Amino acid sequence: MQENRVIQVIVEGGLVQEILNVPSDIEIQVLDYDVQGVNKESLEKSPLDGQPCCITVY
């Protein structure tokens, strides 16, 4: 079985509007570093630099 490939999208100071035409074997991870006012339970450690962020996987 082939392992899924991952594209990481980093967000600071904005919103991701769309990610189009992603092949089914690609996982999209959106790492949002705009964490001011976010519940601590929603924060995760970034796999890139260990900083707090919100991660959403598509």
C-alpha atoms as a PDB file:
ATOM      1  CA  MET A   1       0.000   0.000   0.000  1.00  0.00           C
ATOM      2  CA  GLN A   2       1.323   3.427  -0.952  1.00  0.00           C
ATOM      3  CA  GLU A   3       1.588   6.001   1.806  1.00  0.00           C
ATOM      4  CA  ASN A   4      -0.369   9.238   1.314  1.00  0.00           C
ATOM      5  CA  ARG A   5       1.659  12.271   0.392  1.00  0.00           C
ATOM      6  CA  VAL A   6       1.165  15.434   2.432  1.00  0.00           C
ATOM      7  CA  ILE A   7       1.093  19.086   1.406  1.00  0.00           C
ATOM      8  CA  GLN A   8       1.344  21.523   4.294  1.00  0.00           C
ATOM      9  CA  VAL A   9      -0.242  24.962   3.885  1.00  0.00           C
ATOM     10  CA  ILE A  10       0.935  27.589   6.373  1.00  0.00           C
ATOM     11  CA  VAL A  11      -1.457  30.403   7.292  1.00  0.00           C
ATOM     12  CA  GLU A  12      -0.489  33.597   9.085  1.00  0.00           C
ATOM     13  CA  GLY A  13      -2.609  36.717   8.863  1.00  0.00           C
ATOM     14  CA  GLY A  14      -5.163  35.366   6.410  1.00  0.00           C
ATOM     15  CA  LEU A  15      -7.583  32.675   5.387  1.00  0.00           C
ATOM     16  CA  VAL A  16      -7.198  29.829   2.954  1.00  0.00           C
ATOM     17  CA  GLN A  17     -10.057  30.273   0.524  1.00  0.00           C
ATOM     18  CA  GLU A  18      -9.749  27.132  -1.605  1.00  0.00           C
ATOM     19  CA  ILE A  19      -7.449  24.284  -2.485  1.00  0.00           C
ATOM     20  CA  LEU A  20      -8.549  22.865  -5.802  1.00  0.00           C
ATOM     21  CA  ASN A  21      -7.886  19.726  -7.811  1.00  0.00           C
ATOM     22  CA  VAL A  22      -6.134  17.767  -5.079  1.00  0.00           C
ATOM     23  CA  PRO A  23      -5.546  14.136  -6.090  1.00  0.00           C
ATOM     24  CA  SER A  24      -7.078  11.516  -3.782  1.00  0.00           C
ATOM     25  CA  ASP A  25      -3.665  10.298  -2.605  1.00  0.00           C
ATOM     26  CA  ILE A  26      -2.703  13.773  -1.318  1.00  0.00           C
ATOM     27  CA  GLU A  27      -3.473  14.892   2.241  1.00  0.00           C
ATOM     28  CA  ILE A  28      -3.682  18.640   2.853  1.00  0.00           C
ATOM     29  CA  GLN A  29      -2.667  19.912   6.302  1.00  0.00           C
ATOM     30  CA  VAL A  30      -3.477  23.555   6.995  1.00  0.00           C
ATOM     31  CA  LEU A  31      -1.317  24.910   9.821  1.00  0.00           C
ATOM     32  CA  ASP A  32      -2.844  28.137  11.117  1.00  0.00           C
ATOM     33  CA  TYR A  33      -0.488  30.147  13.305  1.00  0.00           C
ATOM     34  CA  ASP A  34      -3.106  32.859  14.023  1.00  0.00           C
ATOM     35  CA  VAL A  35      -3.925  31.484  17.471  1.00  0.00           C
ATOM     36  CA  GLN A  36      -4.886  34.603  19.401  1.00  0.00           C
ATOM     37  CA  GLY A  37      -8.215  33.926  21.115  1.00  0.00           C
ATOM     38  CA  VAL A  38      -8.224  30.216  20.223  1.00  0.00           C
ATOM     39  CA  ASN A  39      -9.173  27.717  22.955  1.00  0.00           C
ATOM     40  CA  LYS A  40      -6.081  25.971  24.299  1.00  0.00           C
ATOM     41  CA  GLU A  41      -7.780  22.607  23.646  1.00  0.00           C
ATOM     42  CA  SER A  42      -7.757  23.414  19.913  1.00  0.00           C
ATOM     43  CA  LEU A  43      -4.011  24.086  19.765  1.00  0.00           C
ATOM     44  CA  GLU A  44      -1.487  21.538  18.578  1.00  0.00           C
ATOM     45  CA  LYS A  45       2.268  21.550  18.272  1.00  0.00           C
ATOM     46  CA  SER A  46       3.330  22.334  14.707  1.00  0.00           C
ATOM     47  CA  PRO A  47       5.164  19.443  13.025  1.00  0.00           C
ATOM     48  CA  LEU A  48       7.361  22.048  11.322  1.00  0.00           C
ATOM     49  CA  ASP A  49       8.679  24.126  14.214  1.00  0.00           C
ATOM     50  CA  GLY A  50       6.946  23.017  17.418  1.00  0.00           C
ATOM     51  CA  GLN A  51       5.046  26.302  17.779  1.00  0.00           C
ATOM     52  CA  PRO A  52       1.362  26.326  18.771  1.00  0.00           C
ATOM     53  CA  CYS A  53      -1.038  26.266  15.843  1.00  0.00           C
ATOM     54  CA  CYS A  54      -4.395  24.903  14.718  1.00  0.00           C
ATOM     55  CA  ILE A  55      -4.120  22.011  12.293  1.00  0.00           C
ATOM     56  CA  THR A  56      -6.914  21.066   9.918  1.00  0.00           C
ATOM     57  CA  VAL A  57      -6.559  17.999   7.693  1.00  0.00           C
ATOM     58  CA  TYR A  58      -8.374  17.543   4.390  1.00  0.00           C
END
